Amino acid sequence: MSLDAALTDPVVRLYVGVVAAILVIAGALLTLLKYGLKKEVGGVITIYRSWLIMAPIMIGCVILGRVPFIFLIGVLSIVGFKEFARATGLYDDWWMTSIAYLGIATVTAAALWLEPGDRSAGWLGFFMAAPVFVISAILLVPILRNRVEGQLQAVSLAIVGFVYIGWMFGHLGFLANADHAYAYVLYLLIAVELNDVAAFTFGKAFGRHKLRSNISPNKTWEGAIGALLVSLALPWALRFSFPHFGTAQLLWTGAIVGIGGQLGDLSISVIKRDIGIKDMGAMIPGHGGILDRIDSLIYTAPLFFHMVSYYYHVKP
């Protein structure tokens, strides 16, 4: 991934066109609903305006190359972990949060470093082994402090926060080192968001049966099934991303986004409901915090990463 390569890559140009078309069509529909049909869409317009800012930033970092994109994922991971730590009370423990931050920085560095053997982009072996070293460091903290009271909770929260937000989400950054980096990264970014939109739309239109009433009261089985069907169709609709994929890989891709995206959303909802908050933060108008926005990618990125690695190898 580099600026020169992005400017000449047909996949990038197609995805820029797809994103632009989605934003234009969505804007036209919202305008029609608000001014033509006199519907109340204030909340949706706030979300749409946020996307007018977020979409160019994400696409821009992809176009600029692997280094800016991996840095962006690292920054989002740090901000997401900070939201998690504040919400759960872990933020007061400077030792635990510092090690988690260093762990996220290590994961980001592993995606940036060159492989020691063939000097290719991304040190995959160290990236995969990073949780071993970070978890070992986290477990060492109570021993160094000679403290036991409350340490099981602090250790558990630090490990969950690092592995879930830092390492799992970090797989999206490492995909920037893949053979088909533009196709993989841009597809995930767009497909996951379309999966969320489909779940919301089908749920509003047909939702009758609660998916998990205690975890996310607004989600329905109808919305979940509709989103899954849309996600299963997307790999064929965006077939230009995966000319090397067979039927099995296309089905896996659709299932990973359709199921994994919704599980990521529900997993963060479990945490929020347990600690009694609505959103993890308030950084993005209409969306909540960073963690509320990337929750679906946290699940789908590593699942997609390892599916591709199994069939084709992620790196050259």
C-alpha atoms as a PDB file:
ATOM      1  CA  MET A   1       0.000   0.000   0.000  1.00  0.00           C
ATOM      2  CA  SER A   2       1.301   3.403  -1.031  1.00  0.00           C
ATOM      3  CA  LEU A   3      -0.086   6.657  -2.398  1.00  0.00           C
ATOM      4  CA  ASP A   4       1.240   5.970  -5.904  1.00  0.00           C
ATOM      5  CA  ALA A   5      -0.198   2.454  -5.915  1.00  0.00           C
ATOM      6  CA  ALA A   6      -3.575   3.640  -4.623  1.00  0.00           C
ATOM      7  CA  LEU A   7      -3.940   6.284  -7.311  1.00  0.00           C
ATOM      8  CA  THR A   8      -3.532   3.676 -10.050  1.00  0.00           C
ATOM      9  CA  ASP A   9      -5.360   0.778  -8.402  1.00  0.00           C
ATOM     10  CA  PRO A  10      -8.770   0.096 -10.027  1.00  0.00           C
ATOM     11  CA  VAL A  11     -10.118  -1.459  -6.817  1.00  0.00           C
ATOM     12  CA  VAL A  12      -9.454   1.759  -4.890  1.00  0.00           C
ATOM     13  CA  ARG A  13     -11.142   3.860  -7.563  1.00  0.00           C
ATOM     14  CA  LEU A  14     -14.171   1.569  -7.564  1.00  0.00           C
ATOM     15  CA  TYR A  15     -14.498   1.714  -3.787  1.00  0.00           C
ATOM     16  CA  VAL A  16     -14.149   5.496  -3.725  1.00  0.00           C
ATOM     17  CA  GLY A  17     -16.996   5.580  -6.242  1.00  0.00           C
ATOM     18  CA  VAL A  18     -19.072   3.164  -4.162  1.00  0.00           C
ATOM     19  CA  VAL A  19     -18.602   5.226  -0.984  1.00  0.00           C
ATOM     20  CA  ALA A  20     -19.371   8.482  -2.797  1.00  0.00           C
ATOM     21  CA  ALA A  21     -22.510   6.969  -4.336  1.00  0.00           C
ATOM     22  CA  ILE A  22     -23.713   5.662  -0.958  1.00  0.00           C
ATOM     23  CA  LEU A  23     -23.229   9.059   0.690  1.00  0.00           C
ATOM     24  CA  VAL A  24     -24.974  10.902  -2.161  1.00  0.00           C
ATOM     25  CA  ILE A  25     -27.927   8.486  -2.239  1.00  0.00           C
ATOM     26  CA  ALA A  26     -28.252   8.544   1.554  1.00  0.00           C
ATOM     27  CA  GLY A  27     -28.178  12.347   1.542  1.00  0.00           C
ATOM     28  CA  ALA A  28     -30.856  12.485  -1.148  1.00  0.00           C
ATOM     29  CA  LEU A  29     -33.108  10.055   0.753  1.00  0.00           C
ATOM     30  CA  LEU A  30     -32.741  12.013   3.995  1.00  0.00           C
ATOM     31  CA  THR A  31     -33.536  15.243   2.164  1.00  0.00           C
ATOM     32  CA  LEU A  32     -36.652  13.651   0.658  1.00  0.00           C
ATOM     33  CA  LEU A  33     -37.792  12.291   4.017  1.00  0.00           C
ATOM     34  CA  LYS A  34     -37.246  15.574   5.849  1.00  0.00           C
ATOM     35  CA  TYR A  35     -38.463  18.144   3.359  1.00  0.00           C
ATOM     36  CA  GLY A  36     -40.634  16.123   0.984  1.00  0.00           C
ATOM     37  CA  LEU A  37     -42.399  13.749   3.381  1.00  0.00           C
ATOM     38  CA  LYS A  38     -41.964  15.913   6.517  1.00  0.00           C
ATOM     39  CA  LYS A  39     -40.538  13.026   8.565  1.00  0.00           C
ATOM     40  CA  GLU A  40     -38.526  13.514  11.740  1.00  0.00           C
ATOM     41  CA  VAL A  41     -35.017  12.344  10.876  1.00  0.00           C
ATOM     42  CA  GLY A  42     -32.905  14.636  13.055  1.00  0.00           C
ATOM     43  CA  GLY A  43     -31.025  11.798  14.754  1.00  0.00           C
ATOM     44  CA  VAL A  44     -30.264  10.048  11.474  1.00  0.00           C
ATOM     45  CA  ILE A  45     -29.038  13.309   9.929  1.00  0.00           C
ATOM     46  CA  THR A  46     -26.589  13.715  12.831  1.00  0.00           C
ATOM     47  CA  ILE A  47     -25.240  10.236  12.126  1.00  0.00           C
ATOM     48  CA  TYR A  48     -25.033  11.020   8.404  1.00  0.00           C
ATOM     49  CA  ARG A  49     -23.069  14.210   9.035  1.00  0.00           C
ATOM     50  CA  SER A  50     -20.597  12.255  11.133  1.00  0.00           C
ATOM     51  CA  TRP A  51     -20.110   9.845   8.248  1.00  0.00           C
ATOM     52  CA  LEU A  52     -19.392  12.761   5.923  1.00  0.00           C
ATOM     53  CA  ILE A  53     -16.315  13.343   8.089  1.00  0.00           C
ATOM     54  CA  MET A  54     -15.383   9.764   9.046  1.00  0.00           C
ATOM     55  CA  ALA A  55     -15.614   8.213   5.577  1.00  0.00           C
ATOM     56  CA  PRO A  56     -13.073  10.570   3.917  1.00  0.00           C
ATOM     57  CA  ILE A  57     -10.688  10.158   6.868  1.00  0.00           C
ATOM     58  CA  MET A  58     -10.770   6.360   6.679  1.00  0.00           C
ATOM     59  CA  ILE A  59     -10.544   6.216   2.887  1.00  0.00           C
ATOM     60  CA  GLY A  60      -7.839   8.894   2.922  1.00  0.00           C
ATOM     61  CA  CYS A  61      -5.650   6.918   5.343  1.00  0.00           C
ATOM     62  CA  VAL A  62      -6.049   3.814   3.177  1.00  0.00           C
ATOM     63  CA  ILE A  63      -5.037   5.759   0.074  1.00  0.00           C
ATOM     64  CA  LEU A  64      -2.025   7.366   1.784  1.00  0.00           C
ATOM     65  CA  GLY A  65      -0.519   3.923   2.395  1.00  0.00           C
ATOM     66  CA  ARG A  66       0.131   1.164   4.916  1.00  0.00           C
ATOM     67  CA  VAL A  67       1.985   3.300   7.467  1.00  0.00           C
ATOM     68  CA  PRO A  68      -0.724   5.990   7.893  1.00  0.00           C
ATOM     69  CA  PHE A  69      -3.444   3.332   7.937  1.00  0.00           C
ATOM     70  CA  ILE A  70      -1.708   1.140  10.530  1.00  0.00           C
ATOM     71  CA  PHE A  71      -1.055   4.239  12.658  1.00  0.00           C
ATOM     72  CA  LEU A  72      -4.743   5.138  12.399  1.00  0.00           C
ATOM     73  CA  ILE A  73      -5.756   1.675  13.618  1.00  0.00           C
ATOM     74  CA  GLY A  74      -3.259   1.979  16.478  1.00  0.00           C
ATOM     75  CA  VAL A  75      -4.668   5.363  17.509  1.00  0.00           C
ATOM     76  CA  LEU A  76      -8.247   4.085  17.327  1.00  0.00           C
ATOM     77  CA  SER A  77      -7.229   1.090  19.455  1.00  0.00           C
ATOM     78  CA  ILE A  78      -5.691   3.337  22.103  1.00  0.00           C
ATOM     79  CA  VAL A  79      -8.721   5.632  22.197  1.00  0.00           C
ATOM     80  CA  GLY A  80     -11.058   2.632  22.288  1.00  0.00           C
ATOM     81  CA  PHE A  81      -9.115   1.060  25.152  1.00  0.00           C
ATOM     82  CA  LYS A  82      -9.178   4.373  27.026  1.00  0.00           C
ATOM     83  CA  GLU A  83     -12.974   4.461  26.700  1.00  0.00           C
ATOM     84  CA  PHE A  84     -13.146   0.872  27.947  1.00  0.00           C
ATOM     85  CA  ALA A  85     -10.826   1.604  30.873  1.00  0.00           C
ATOM     86  CA  ARG A  86     -12.772   4.704  31.926  1.00  0.00           C
ATOM     87  CA  ALA A  87     -16.115   2.920  31.700  1.00  0.00           C
ATOM     88  CA  THR A  88     -14.985  -0.104  33.715  1.00  0.00           C
ATOM     89  CA  GLY A  89     -12.930   1.778  36.317  1.00  0.00           C
ATOM     90  CA  LEU A  90      -9.629   0.283  35.158  1.00  0.00           C
ATOM     91  CA  TYR A  91      -8.385   3.742  34.200  1.00  0.00           C
ATOM     92  CA  ASP A  92      -7.585   4.496  37.848  1.00  0.00           C
ATOM     93  CA  ASP A  93      -4.948   1.740  37.820  1.00  0.00           C
ATOM     94  CA  TRP A  94      -2.003   3.446  36.135  1.00  0.00           C
ATOM     95  CA  TRP A  95       0.142   0.270  36.015  1.00  0.00           C
ATOM     96  CA  MET A  96      -2.445  -1.839  34.222  1.00  0.00           C
ATOM     97  CA  THR A  97      -3.471   0.815  31.730  1.00  0.00           C
ATOM     98  CA  SER A  98       0.149   1.690  30.938  1.00  0.00           C
ATOM     99  CA  ILE A  99       1.007  -1.923  30.109  1.00  0.00           C
ATOM    100  CA  ALA A 100      -2.102  -2.220  27.947  1.00  0.00           C
ATOM    101  CA  TYR A 101      -1.124   0.954  26.079  1.00  0.00           C
ATOM    102  CA  LEU A 102       2.394  -0.410  25.567  1.00  0.00           C
ATOM    103  CA  GLY A 103       0.863  -3.657  24.350  1.00  0.00           C
ATOM    104  CA  ILE A 104      -1.229  -1.823  21.760  1.00  0.00           C
ATOM    105  CA  ALA A 105       1.857   0.100  20.663  1.00  0.00           C
ATOM    106  CA  THR A 106       3.712  -3.216  20.330  1.00  0.00           C
ATOM    107  CA  VAL A 107       0.945  -4.703  18.170  1.00  0.00           C
ATOM    108  CA  THR A 108       1.023  -1.593  15.970  1.00  0.00           C
ATOM    109  CA  ALA A 109       4.811  -1.778  15.695  1.00  0.00           C
ATOM    110  CA  ALA A 110       4.647  -5.467  14.735  1.00  0.00           C
ATOM    111  CA  ALA A 111       2.325  -4.561  11.853  1.00  0.00           C
ATOM    112  CA  LEU A 112       4.792  -1.888  10.754  1.00  0.00           C
ATOM    113  CA  TRP A 113       8.071  -3.802  11.207  1.00  0.00           C
ATOM    114  CA  LEU A 114       9.654  -5.847   8.454  1.00  0.00           C
ATOM    115  CA  GLU A 115       9.760  -9.630   8.708  1.00  0.00           C
ATOM    116  CA  PRO A 116      13.280 -10.530   9.917  1.00  0.00           C
ATOM    117  CA  GLY A 117      13.752 -13.277   7.322  1.00  0.00           C
ATOM    118  CA  ASP A 118      12.490 -12.028   3.983  1.00  0.00           C
ATOM    119  CA  ARG A 119      12.136  -8.328   4.931  1.00  0.00           C
ATOM    120  CA  SER A 120       8.538  -8.261   3.783  1.00  0.00           C
ATOM    121  CA  ALA A 121       6.122  -5.774   5.374  1.00  0.00           C
ATOM    122  CA  GLY A 122       4.733  -6.824   8.751  1.00  0.00           C
ATOM    123  CA  TRP A 123       6.303  -9.112  11.357  1.00  0.00           C
ATOM    124  CA  LEU A 124       3.536 -11.717  11.479  1.00  0.00           C
ATOM    125  CA  GLY A 125       5.177 -14.066  13.986  1.00  0.00           C
ATOM    126  CA  PHE A 126       5.683 -11.343  16.581  1.00  0.00           C
ATOM    127  CA  PHE A 127       2.221  -9.915  15.921  1.00  0.00           C
ATOM    128  CA  MET A 128       0.644 -13.301  16.692  1.00  0.00           C
ATOM    129  CA  ALA A 129       2.840 -13.813  19.779  1.00  0.00           C
ATOM    130  CA  ALA A 130       2.256 -10.321  21.218  1.00  0.00           C
ATOM    131  CA  PRO A 131      -0.586 -11.400  23.569  1.00  0.00           C
ATOM    132  CA  VAL A 132       1.760 -13.860  25.292  1.00  0.00           C
ATOM    133  CA  PHE A 133       4.218 -11.121  26.238  1.00  0.00           C
ATOM    134  CA  VAL A 134       1.606  -8.507  27.131  1.00  0.00           C
ATOM    135  CA  ILE A 135      -0.490 -10.874  29.256  1.00  0.00           C
ATOM    136  CA  SER A 136       2.659 -12.053  31.020  1.00  0.00           C
ATOM    137  CA  ALA A 137       3.510  -8.424  31.817  1.00  0.00           C
ATOM    138  CA  ILE A 138      -0.003  -7.742  33.108  1.00  0.00           C
ATOM    139  CA  LEU A 139       0.124 -10.802  35.388  1.00  0.00           C
ATOM    140  CA  LEU A 140       3.467  -9.598  36.725  1.00  0.00           C
ATOM    141  CA  VAL A 141       2.005  -6.327  38.045  1.00  0.00           C
ATOM    142  CA  PRO A 142       0.371  -7.705  41.236  1.00  0.00           C
ATOM    143  CA  ILE A 143       3.580  -9.565  42.035  1.00  0.00           C
ATOM    144  CA  LEU A 144       5.723  -6.446  41.669  1.00  0.00           C
ATOM    145  CA  ARG A 145       3.264  -4.461  43.787  1.00  0.00           C
ATOM    146  CA  ASN A 146       2.940  -7.256  46.355  1.00  0.00           C
ATOM    147  CA  ARG A 147      -0.805  -6.750  46.249  1.00  0.00           C
ATOM    148  CA  VAL A 148      -3.750  -9.161  46.097  1.00  0.00           C
ATOM    149  CA  GLU A 149      -6.922  -7.252  46.897  1.00  0.00           C
ATOM    150  CA  GLY A 150      -8.821  -6.318  43.736  1.00  0.00           C
ATOM    151  CA  GLN A 151      -6.054  -7.627  41.486  1.00  0.00           C
ATOM    152  CA  LEU A 152      -8.068 -10.393  39.813  1.00  0.00           C
ATOM    153  CA  GLN A 153     -10.558  -7.834  38.505  1.00  0.00           C
ATOM    154  CA  ALA A 154      -7.840  -5.417  37.387  1.00  0.00           C
ATOM    155  CA  VAL A 155      -5.818  -8.146  35.663  1.00  0.00           C
ATOM    156  CA  SER A 156      -8.929  -9.543  33.951  1.00  0.00           C
ATOM    157  CA  LEU A 157     -10.054  -6.145  32.685  1.00  0.00           C
ATOM    158  CA  ALA A 158      -6.572  -5.279  31.400  1.00  0.00           C
ATOM    159  CA  ILE A 159      -6.257  -8.597  29.553  1.00  0.00           C
ATOM    160  CA  VAL A 160      -9.744  -8.392  28.039  1.00  0.00           C
ATOM    161  CA  GLY A 161      -9.210  -4.766  27.031  1.00  0.00           C
ATOM    162  CA  PHE A 162      -5.846  -5.407  25.394  1.00  0.00           C
ATOM    163  CA  VAL A 163      -6.737  -8.652  23.621  1.00  0.00           C
ATOM    164  CA  TYR A 164     -10.183  -7.544  22.482  1.00  0.00           C
ATOM    165  CA  ILE A 165      -9.512  -3.943  21.522  1.00  0.00           C
ATOM    166  CA  GLY A 166      -5.772  -3.822  20.959  1.00  0.00           C
ATOM    167  CA  TRP A 167      -4.915  -7.163  19.399  1.00  0.00           C
ATOM    168  CA  MET A 168      -8.136  -8.329  17.732  1.00  0.00           C
ATOM    169  CA  PHE A 169      -8.826  -4.929  16.186  1.00  0.00           C
ATOM    170  CA  GLY A 170      -5.124  -4.711  15.302  1.00  0.00           C
ATOM    171  CA  HIS A 171      -5.682  -7.458  12.719  1.00  0.00           C
ATOM    172  CA  LEU A 172      -7.347  -4.818  10.540  1.00  0.00           C
ATOM    173  CA  GLY A 173      -4.120  -2.825  10.538  1.00  0.00           C
ATOM    174  CA  PHE A 174      -2.017  -5.886   9.725  1.00  0.00           C
ATOM    175  CA  LEU A 175      -4.191  -6.529   6.657  1.00  0.00           C
ATOM    176  CA  ALA A 176      -2.470  -3.480   5.155  1.00  0.00           C
ATOM    177  CA  ASN A 177       0.502  -5.824   4.573  1.00  0.00           C
ATOM    178  CA  ALA A 178      -1.521  -8.354   2.581  1.00  0.00           C
ATOM    179  CA  ASP A 179      -1.227  -9.120  -1.124  1.00  0.00           C
ATOM    180  CA  HIS A 180      -4.689  -7.674  -1.778  1.00  0.00           C
ATOM    181  CA  ALA A 181      -4.583  -5.081   0.975  1.00  0.00           C
ATOM    182  CA  TYR A 182      -6.820  -2.478  -0.662  1.00  0.00           C
ATOM    183  CA  ALA A 183      -9.524  -4.984  -1.491  1.00  0.00           C
ATOM    184  CA  TYR A 184      -9.510  -6.613   1.956  1.00  0.00           C
ATOM    185  CA  VAL A 185      -9.409  -3.423   4.015  1.00  0.00           C
ATOM    186  CA  LEU A 186     -11.876  -1.399   1.965  1.00  0.00           C
ATOM    187  CA  TYR A 187     -14.288  -4.304   1.709  1.00  0.00           C
ATOM    188  CA  LEU A 188     -14.349  -4.820   5.475  1.00  0.00           C
ATOM    189  CA  LEU A 189     -14.783  -1.114   6.194  1.00  0.00           C
ATOM    190  CA  ILE A 190     -17.742  -0.826   3.836  1.00  0.00           C
ATOM    191  CA  ALA A 191     -19.352  -4.240   4.309  1.00  0.00           C
ATOM    192  CA  VAL A 192     -19.414  -3.984   8.103  1.00  0.00           C
ATOM    193  CA  GLU A 193     -21.168  -0.615   7.952  1.00  0.00           C
ATOM    194  CA  LEU A 194     -23.682  -1.864   5.389  1.00  0.00           C
ATOM    195  CA  ASN A 195     -24.327  -4.838   7.672  1.00  0.00           C
ATOM    196  CA  ASP A 196     -25.130  -2.420  10.516  1.00  0.00           C
ATOM    197  CA  VAL A 197     -27.418  -0.357   8.271  1.00  0.00           C
ATOM    198  CA  ALA A 198     -29.198  -3.503   7.045  1.00  0.00           C
ATOM    199  CA  ALA A 199     -29.764  -4.729  10.607  1.00  0.00           C
ATOM    200  CA  PHE A 200     -31.253  -1.358  11.560  1.00  0.00           C
ATOM    201  CA  THR A 201     -33.404  -1.100   8.418  1.00  0.00           C
ATOM    202  CA  PHE A 202     -34.802  -4.643   8.515  1.00  0.00           C
ATOM    203  CA  GLY A 203     -35.333  -4.356  12.248  1.00  0.00           C
ATOM    204  CA  LYS A 204     -37.340  -1.138  11.873  1.00  0.00           C
ATOM    205  CA  ALA A 205     -39.353  -2.468   8.950  1.00  0.00           C
ATOM    206  CA  PHE A 206     -40.045  -6.044  10.045  1.00  0.00           C
ATOM    207  CA  GLY A 207     -38.778  -6.430  13.606  1.00  0.00           C
ATOM    208  CA  ARG A 208     -41.136  -8.291  15.926  1.00  0.00           C
ATOM    209  CA  HIS A 209     -39.002 -10.723  17.924  1.00  0.00           C
ATOM    210  CA  LYS A 210     -36.231  -9.545  20.243  1.00  0.00           C
ATOM    211  CA  LEU A 211     -32.809 -10.962  19.442  1.00  0.00           C
ATOM    212  CA  ARG A 212     -31.352 -10.601  22.941  1.00  0.00           C
ATOM    213  CA  SER A 213     -33.728  -8.503  25.028  1.00  0.00           C
ATOM    214  CA  ASN A 214     -31.467  -8.076  28.063  1.00  0.00           C
ATOM    215  CA  ILE A 215     -28.393  -7.148  26.026  1.00  0.00           C
ATOM    216  CA  SER A 216     -29.727  -4.954  23.219  1.00  0.00           C
ATOM    217  CA  PRO A 217     -33.493  -4.382  23.425  1.00  0.00           C
ATOM    218  CA  ASN A 218     -33.740  -2.718  20.009  1.00  0.00           C
ATOM    219  CA  LYS A 219     -32.209  -5.601  18.044  1.00  0.00           C
ATOM    220  CA  THR A 220     -34.536  -8.169  16.513  1.00  0.00           C
ATOM    221  CA  TRP A 221     -34.226 -11.550  14.846  1.00  0.00           C
ATOM    222  CA  GLU A 222     -35.726 -10.059  11.688  1.00  0.00           C
ATOM    223  CA  GLY A 223     -33.056  -7.376  11.620  1.00  0.00           C
ATOM    224  CA  ALA A 224     -30.290  -9.904  12.253  1.00  0.00           C
ATOM    225  CA  ILE A 225     -31.484 -12.254   9.508  1.00  0.00           C
ATOM    226  CA  GLY A 226     -31.933  -9.391   7.052  1.00  0.00           C
ATOM    227  CA  ALA A 227     -28.403  -8.144   7.774  1.00  0.00           C
ATOM    228  CA  LEU A 228     -26.994 -11.648   7.327  1.00  0.00           C
ATOM    229  CA  LEU A 229     -28.705 -12.037   3.946  1.00  0.00           C
ATOM    230  CA  VAL A 230     -27.362  -8.674   2.776  1.00  0.00           C
ATOM    231  CA  SER A 231     -23.862  -9.564   3.976  1.00  0.00           C
ATOM    232  CA  LEU A 232     -23.988 -12.943   2.223  1.00  0.00           C
ATOM    233  CA  ALA A 233     -24.865 -11.167  -1.041  1.00  0.00           C
ATOM    234  CA  LEU A 234     -22.216  -8.442  -0.748  1.00  0.00           C
ATOM    235  CA  PRO A 235     -19.157 -10.562  -1.731  1.00  0.00           C
ATOM    236  CA  TRP A 236     -20.873 -11.313  -5.040  1.00  0.00           C
ATOM    237  CA  ALA A 237     -22.042  -7.711  -5.494  1.00  0.00           C
ATOM    238  CA  LEU A 238     -18.481  -6.504  -4.866  1.00  0.00           C
ATOM    239  CA  ARG A 239     -16.851  -9.438  -6.660  1.00  0.00           C
ATOM    240  CA  PHE A 240     -14.131  -7.188  -8.080  1.00  0.00           C
ATOM    241  CA  SER A 241     -12.529  -7.262  -4.619  1.00  0.00           C
ATOM    242  CA  PHE A 242     -11.933 -10.997  -4.658  1.00  0.00           C
ATOM    243  CA  PRO A 243     -11.248 -12.338  -8.161  1.00  0.00           C
ATOM    244  CA  HIS A 244      -9.134 -15.064  -6.524  1.00  0.00           C
ATOM    245  CA  PHE A 245     -11.908 -16.199  -4.134  1.00  0.00           C
ATOM    246  CA  GLY A 246     -13.898 -19.328  -4.810  1.00  0.00           C
ATOM    247  CA  THR A 247     -17.486 -19.985  -3.730  1.00  0.00           C
ATOM    248  CA  ALA A 248     -16.463 -21.245  -0.285  1.00  0.00           C
ATOM    249  CA  GLN A 249     -14.354 -18.165   0.445  1.00  0.00           C
ATOM    250  CA  LEU A 250     -17.142 -15.830  -0.705  1.00  0.00           C
ATOM    251  CA  LEU A 251     -19.607 -17.605   1.566  1.00  0.00           C
ATOM    252  CA  TRP A 252     -17.175 -17.431   4.485  1.00  0.00           C
ATOM    253  CA  THR A 253     -16.652 -13.724   3.847  1.00  0.00           C
ATOM    254  CA  GLY A 254     -20.380 -13.032   3.882  1.00  0.00           C
ATOM    255  CA  ALA A 255     -20.931 -15.104   7.026  1.00  0.00           C
ATOM    256  CA  ILE A 256     -18.011 -13.504   8.866  1.00  0.00           C
ATOM    257  CA  VAL A 257     -19.372 -10.009   8.256  1.00  0.00           C
ATOM    258  CA  GLY A 258     -23.038 -10.934   8.696  1.00  0.00           C
ATOM    259  CA  ILE A 259     -22.594 -12.889  11.929  1.00  0.00           C
ATOM    260  CA  GLY A 260     -19.323 -11.522  13.286  1.00  0.00           C
ATOM    261  CA  GLY A 261     -20.370  -7.904  12.867  1.00  0.00           C
ATOM    262  CA  GLN A 262     -23.493  -8.433  14.937  1.00  0.00           C
ATOM    263  CA  LEU A 263     -21.642 -10.424  17.595  1.00  0.00           C
ATOM    264  CA  GLY A 264     -19.136  -7.596  17.930  1.00  0.00           C
ATOM    265  CA  ASP A 265     -21.950  -5.134  18.517  1.00  0.00           C
ATOM    266  CA  LEU A 266     -23.628  -7.421  21.060  1.00  0.00           C
ATOM    267  CA  SER A 267     -20.351  -8.070  22.895  1.00  0.00           C
ATOM    268  CA  ILE A 268     -19.830  -4.369  23.569  1.00  0.00           C
ATOM    269  CA  SER A 269     -23.498  -4.108  24.539  1.00  0.00           C
ATOM    270  CA  VAL A 270     -22.952  -6.798  27.195  1.00  0.00           C
ATOM    271  CA  ILE A 271     -20.218  -4.656  28.761  1.00  0.00           C
ATOM    272  CA  LYS A 272     -22.277  -1.455  28.553  1.00  0.00           C
ATOM    273  CA  ARG A 273     -25.396  -3.026  30.058  1.00  0.00           C
ATOM    274  CA  ASP A 274     -23.413  -4.674  32.831  1.00  0.00           C
ATOM    275  CA  ILE A 275     -21.881  -1.378  33.956  1.00  0.00           C
ATOM    276  CA  GLY A 276     -25.037   0.620  33.277  1.00  0.00           C
ATOM    277  CA  ILE A 277     -24.077   3.002  30.464  1.00  0.00           C
ATOM    278  CA  LYS A 278     -25.604   3.711  27.040  1.00  0.00           C
ATOM    279  CA  ASP A 279     -22.435   4.564  25.087  1.00  0.00           C
ATOM    280  CA  MET A 280     -18.732   4.040  25.663  1.00  0.00           C
ATOM    281  CA  GLY A 281     -18.040   7.676  24.851  1.00  0.00           C
ATOM    282  CA  ALA A 282     -19.358  10.794  23.138  1.00  0.00           C
ATOM    283  CA  MET A 283     -16.604  11.589  20.639  1.00  0.00           C
ATOM    284  CA  ILE A 284     -18.706  10.987  17.511  1.00  0.00           C
ATOM    285  CA  PRO A 285     -22.086  12.775  17.308  1.00  0.00           C
ATOM    286  CA  GLY A 286     -24.878  10.257  16.805  1.00  0.00           C
ATOM    287  CA  HIS A 287     -22.572   7.281  17.233  1.00  0.00           C
ATOM    288  CA  GLY A 288     -21.226   7.503  20.787  1.00  0.00           C
ATOM    289  CA  GLY A 289     -17.552   6.764  21.273  1.00  0.00           C
ATOM    290  CA  ILE A 290     -14.873   5.193  19.104  1.00  0.00           C
ATOM    291  CA  LEU A 291     -15.523   1.801  20.663  1.00  0.00           C
ATOM    292  CA  ASP A 292     -19.225   2.052  19.784  1.00  0.00           C
ATOM    293  CA  ARG A 293     -18.216   2.620  16.162  1.00  0.00           C
ATOM    294  CA  ILE A 294     -15.529  -0.046  15.727  1.00  0.00           C
ATOM    295  CA  ASP A 295     -17.183  -2.832  17.757  1.00  0.00           C
ATOM    296  CA  SER A 296     -18.263  -4.801  14.667  1.00  0.00           C
ATOM    297  CA  LEU A 297     -14.798  -4.564  13.098  1.00  0.00           C
ATOM    298  CA  ILE A 298     -13.208  -5.913  16.294  1.00  0.00           C
ATOM    299  CA  TYR A 299     -14.912  -9.241  15.613  1.00  0.00           C
ATOM    300  CA  THR A 300     -14.829  -9.377  11.837  1.00  0.00           C
ATOM    301  CA  ALA A 301     -11.223  -8.259  11.214  1.00  0.00           C
ATOM    302  CA  PRO A 302      -9.471 -11.209  12.936  1.00  0.00           C
ATOM    303  CA  LEU A 303     -11.992 -13.755  11.634  1.00  0.00           C
ATOM    304  CA  PHE A 304     -11.530 -12.515   8.064  1.00  0.00           C
ATOM    305  CA  PHE A 305      -7.750 -12.266   8.565  1.00  0.00           C
ATOM    306  CA  HIS A 306      -7.428 -15.917   9.592  1.00  0.00           C
ATOM    307  CA  MET A 307      -9.833 -17.127   6.926  1.00  0.00           C
ATOM    308  CA  VAL A 308      -7.665 -15.474   4.271  1.00  0.00           C
ATOM    309  CA  SER A 309      -4.508 -16.762   5.955  1.00  0.00           C
ATOM    310  CA  TYR A 310      -5.840 -20.323   5.937  1.00  0.00           C
ATOM    311  CA  TYR A 311      -6.697 -20.347   2.231  1.00  0.00           C
ATOM    312  CA  TYR A 312      -4.185 -17.992   0.644  1.00  0.00           C
ATOM    313  CA  HIS A 313      -1.669 -16.690   3.228  1.00  0.00           C
ATOM    314  CA  VAL A 314      -2.082 -13.064   4.249  1.00  0.00           C
ATOM    315  CA  LYS A 315       1.446 -12.037   3.301  1.00  0.00           C
ATOM    316  CA  PRO A 316       3.275 -12.590   0.005  1.00  0.00           C
END
